[in-house]
Each structure stands twice: as structure tokens, then as C-alpha cells.
């Protein structure tokens, strides 16, 4: 996963940060008192959570046709 891909989808990341972790990136001073490591850990965590960015980057498999049926 490249960071450029995540940054291209920043609105999804921002919405997921709020929904999953309760983090409002627009909160004044938040990023001044938190480290890059703190933010990076949470963004990477979104990739393993049920999140918008996870579903975009790793879309679920398309439904498969039922097996054992014969179609003509």
C-alpha cells in the first residue's frame, strides 16, 4: 500500500478516522500535540477495520454463482 493512494482518498480516510476512532482531524491543535506515528498507526488500522477506505482498497470479492446448478 502506497501512502499516495491513501492521500488521494483523504475524504474517506478523514470520515473513517471520525467514525472508527472518534478523531476529528479538524479539531484545532490536534495534530500539533499528536505525532505522525500516532496518526499513521490509526490510518493503517483503518485498513483492517470495516471502513470505507478498506472497502475501496480491498473490495470484497464479487458474488459467485451457486455451485451445483446447471445453466443452459
N, C-alpha and C. Protein backbone atom coordinates (compact mmCIF):
# COMPACT_ATOMS: atom_id res chain seq x y z
N UNK A 1 0.85 -1.18 0.00
CA UNK A 1 0.00 0.00 0.00
C UNK A 1 0.89 1.23 0.00
N UNK A 2 0.64 2.11 -0.92
CA UNK A 2 1.40 3.35 -1.02
C UNK A 2 0.61 4.48 -0.35
N UNK A 3 1.35 5.33 0.34
CA UNK A 3 0.71 6.46 1.02
C UNK A 3 0.00 7.38 0.05
N UNK A 4 0.53 7.52 -1.16
CA UNK A 4 -0.11 8.38 -2.15
C UNK A 4 -1.53 7.93 -2.43
N UNK A 5 -1.76 6.62 -2.45
CA UNK A 5 -3.10 6.08 -2.69
C UNK A 5 -4.04 6.49 -1.55
N UNK A 6 -3.56 6.38 -0.32
CA UNK A 6 -4.39 6.78 0.82
C UNK A 6 -4.67 8.28 0.81
N UNK A 7 -3.65 9.06 0.50
CA UNK A 7 -3.83 10.52 0.49
C UNK A 7 -4.76 10.96 -0.63
N UNK A 8 -4.76 10.22 -1.74
CA UNK A 8 -5.70 10.53 -2.83
C UNK A 8 -7.15 10.36 -2.38
N UNK A 9 -7.35 9.53 -1.39
CA UNK A 9 -8.70 9.24 -0.88
C UNK A 9 -8.92 9.87 0.50
N UNK A 10 -8.27 11.01 0.75
CA UNK A 10 -8.30 11.63 2.07
C UNK A 10 -9.70 11.84 2.64
N UNK A 11 -10.71 12.26 1.86
CA UNK A 11 -12.04 12.42 2.46
C UNK A 11 -12.56 11.12 3.10
N UNK A 12 -12.28 9.97 2.48
CA UNK A 12 -12.69 8.70 3.07
C UNK A 12 -11.91 8.41 4.35
N UNK A 13 -10.60 8.67 4.31
CA UNK A 13 -9.76 8.45 5.49
C UNK A 13 -10.25 9.33 6.64
N UNK A 14 -10.51 10.58 6.34
CA UNK A 14 -10.96 11.51 7.38
C UNK A 14 -12.29 11.07 7.98
N UNK A 15 -13.23 10.66 7.12
CA UNK A 15 -14.53 10.19 7.62
C UNK A 15 -14.36 8.92 8.46
N UNK A 16 -13.49 8.01 8.02
CA UNK A 16 -13.26 6.78 8.77
C UNK A 16 -12.57 7.04 10.10
N UNK A 17 -11.62 7.96 10.13
CA UNK A 17 -10.97 8.30 11.40
C UNK A 17 -12.01 8.76 12.42
N UNK A 18 -12.97 9.54 11.95
CA UNK A 18 -14.00 10.03 12.85
C UNK A 18 -14.93 8.90 13.28
N UNK A 19 -15.36 8.09 12.33
CA UNK A 19 -16.32 7.02 12.64
C UNK A 19 -15.70 5.92 13.49
N UNK A 20 -14.51 5.47 13.13
CA UNK A 20 -13.90 4.32 13.81
C UNK A 20 -13.26 4.72 15.13
N UNK A 21 -12.53 5.85 15.14
CA UNK A 21 -11.77 6.23 16.33
C UNK A 21 -12.30 7.47 17.06
N UNK A 22 -13.29 8.13 16.48
CA UNK A 22 -13.80 9.35 17.09
C UNK A 22 -12.83 10.53 16.96
N UNK A 23 -11.95 10.47 15.96
CA UNK A 23 -10.94 11.52 15.77
C UNK A 23 -11.46 12.53 14.76
N UNK A 24 -11.57 13.77 15.18
CA UNK A 24 -11.95 14.86 14.28
C UNK A 24 -10.67 15.60 13.90
N UNK A 25 -10.21 15.36 12.70
CA UNK A 25 -8.96 15.95 12.22
C UNK A 25 -9.02 17.47 12.23
N UNK A 26 -10.22 18.03 12.10
CA UNK A 26 -10.37 19.50 12.09
C UNK A 26 -10.31 20.11 13.49
N UNK A 27 -10.21 19.28 14.53
CA UNK A 27 -10.13 19.82 15.88
C UNK A 27 -8.87 20.68 16.01
N UNK A 28 -9.03 21.94 16.38
CA UNK A 28 -7.86 22.83 16.47
C UNK A 28 -6.78 22.27 17.40
N UNK A 29 -5.56 22.26 16.90
CA UNK A 29 -4.41 21.85 17.69
C UNK A 29 -4.18 20.35 17.80
N UNK A 30 -5.12 19.54 17.32
CA UNK A 30 -4.98 18.09 17.46
C UNK A 30 -3.67 17.57 16.87
N UNK A 31 -3.39 17.97 15.66
CA UNK A 31 -2.19 17.45 15.00
C UNK A 31 -0.92 18.13 15.51
N UNK A 32 -1.07 19.21 16.27
CA UNK A 32 0.09 19.84 16.89
C UNK A 32 0.57 19.06 18.11
N UNK A 33 -0.35 18.37 18.78
CA UNK A 33 0.01 17.64 20.01
C UNK A 33 0.16 16.14 19.80
N UNK A 34 -0.17 15.66 18.62
CA UNK A 34 -0.04 14.24 18.31
C UNK A 34 1.09 14.04 17.31
N UNK A 35 1.73 12.90 17.39
CA UNK A 35 2.85 12.62 16.49
C UNK A 35 2.36 12.04 15.17
N UNK A 36 3.25 12.08 14.18
CA UNK A 36 2.96 11.44 12.90
C UNK A 36 2.73 9.94 13.12
N UNK A 37 3.52 9.34 14.03
CA UNK A 37 3.37 7.92 14.32
C UNK A 37 1.97 7.62 14.84
N UNK A 38 1.43 8.47 15.71
CA UNK A 38 0.09 8.30 16.25
C UNK A 38 -0.95 8.28 15.12
N UNK A 39 -0.85 9.24 14.20
CA UNK A 39 -1.79 9.32 13.09
C UNK A 39 -1.61 8.15 12.13
N UNK A 40 -0.36 7.84 11.82
CA UNK A 40 -0.06 6.74 10.89
C UNK A 40 -0.63 5.42 11.41
N UNK A 41 -0.47 5.16 12.70
CA UNK A 41 -0.97 3.93 13.29
C UNK A 41 -2.48 3.81 13.12
N UNK A 42 -3.19 4.88 13.31
CA UNK A 42 -4.64 4.86 13.17
C UNK A 42 -5.08 4.75 11.71
N UNK A 43 -4.38 5.43 10.82
CA UNK A 43 -4.72 5.31 9.40
C UNK A 43 -4.48 3.88 8.93
N UNK A 44 -3.36 3.29 9.30
CA UNK A 44 -3.11 1.90 8.92
C UNK A 44 -4.12 0.96 9.55
N UNK A 45 -4.58 1.29 10.75
CA UNK A 45 -5.61 0.48 11.39
C UNK A 45 -6.91 0.47 10.61
N UNK A 46 -7.18 1.55 9.90
CA UNK A 46 -8.40 1.61 9.08
C UNK A 46 -8.39 0.56 7.98
N UNK A 47 -7.20 0.14 7.58
CA UNK A 47 -7.10 -0.86 6.51
C UNK A 47 -7.50 -2.25 6.99
N UNK A 48 -7.56 -2.46 8.29
CA UNK A 48 -8.01 -3.75 8.80
C UNK A 48 -9.37 -3.65 9.50
N UNK A 49 -9.93 -2.47 9.53
CA UNK A 49 -11.25 -2.26 10.12
C UNK A 49 -12.31 -2.31 9.02
N UNK A 50 -13.56 -2.43 9.43
CA UNK A 50 -14.65 -2.32 8.46
C UNK A 50 -14.84 -0.83 8.18
N UNK A 51 -14.12 -0.35 7.17
CA UNK A 51 -14.10 1.09 6.89
C UNK A 51 -14.25 1.35 5.39
N UNK A 52 -14.55 2.58 5.07
CA UNK A 52 -14.69 2.98 3.67
C UNK A 52 -13.40 2.73 2.90
N UNK A 53 -12.29 3.15 3.50
CA UNK A 53 -11.01 3.04 2.80
C UNK A 53 -10.63 1.57 2.61
N UNK A 54 -10.93 0.74 3.59
CA UNK A 54 -10.66 -0.69 3.45
C UNK A 54 -11.45 -1.27 2.29
N UNK A 55 -12.73 -0.94 2.21
CA UNK A 55 -13.58 -1.48 1.14
C UNK A 55 -13.16 -0.96 -0.23
N UNK A 56 -12.63 0.25 -0.28
CA UNK A 56 -12.16 0.79 -1.57
C UNK A 56 -10.86 0.11 -2.00
N UNK A 57 -9.90 0.00 -1.09
CA UNK A 57 -8.60 -0.55 -1.42
C UNK A 57 -8.67 -2.07 -1.60
N UNK A 58 -9.44 -2.73 -0.75
CA UNK A 58 -9.56 -4.18 -0.78
C UNK A 58 -11.03 -4.56 -0.95
N UNK A 59 -11.58 -4.36 -2.15
CA UNK A 59 -13.01 -4.62 -2.33
C UNK A 59 -13.35 -6.09 -2.08
N UNK A 60 -14.53 -6.32 -1.51
CA UNK A 60 -14.93 -7.71 -1.30
C UNK A 60 -15.06 -8.42 -2.65
N UNK A 61 -14.85 -9.71 -2.63
CA UNK A 61 -14.98 -10.49 -3.86
C UNK A 61 -16.39 -10.37 -4.40
N UNK A 62 -16.50 -10.42 -5.72
CA UNK A 62 -17.82 -10.40 -6.35
C UNK A 62 -18.54 -11.69 -6.00
N UNK A 63 -19.86 -11.62 -5.85
CA UNK A 63 -20.61 -12.84 -5.54
C UNK A 63 -20.38 -13.91 -6.61
N UNK A 64 -20.26 -15.13 -6.17
CA UNK A 64 -20.08 -16.26 -7.07
C UNK A 64 -21.41 -16.89 -7.38
N UNK A 65 -21.52 -17.44 -8.57
CA UNK A 65 -22.74 -18.18 -8.93
C UNK A 65 -22.81 -19.44 -8.07
N UNK A 66 -24.00 -19.82 -7.66
CA UNK A 66 -24.11 -21.04 -6.85
C UNK A 66 -23.55 -22.24 -7.59
N UNK A 67 -22.88 -23.10 -6.88
CA UNK A 67 -22.34 -24.31 -7.49
C UNK A 67 -23.40 -25.39 -7.49
N UNK A 68 -23.25 -26.34 -8.39
CA UNK A 68 -24.18 -27.46 -8.45
C UNK A 68 -25.41 -27.18 -9.27
N UNK A 69 -25.49 -26.01 -9.88
CA UNK A 69 -26.63 -25.72 -10.75
C UNK A 69 -26.17 -25.75 -12.18
N UNK A 70 -26.99 -26.23 -13.02
CA UNK A 70 -26.65 -26.32 -14.44
C UNK A 70 -27.47 -25.32 -15.22
N UNK A 71 -26.80 -24.46 -15.94
CA UNK A 71 -27.50 -23.45 -16.72
C UNK A 71 -27.31 -23.75 -18.20
N UNK A 72 -28.39 -23.73 -18.97
CA UNK A 72 -28.32 -23.95 -20.42
C UNK A 72 -28.32 -22.66 -21.15
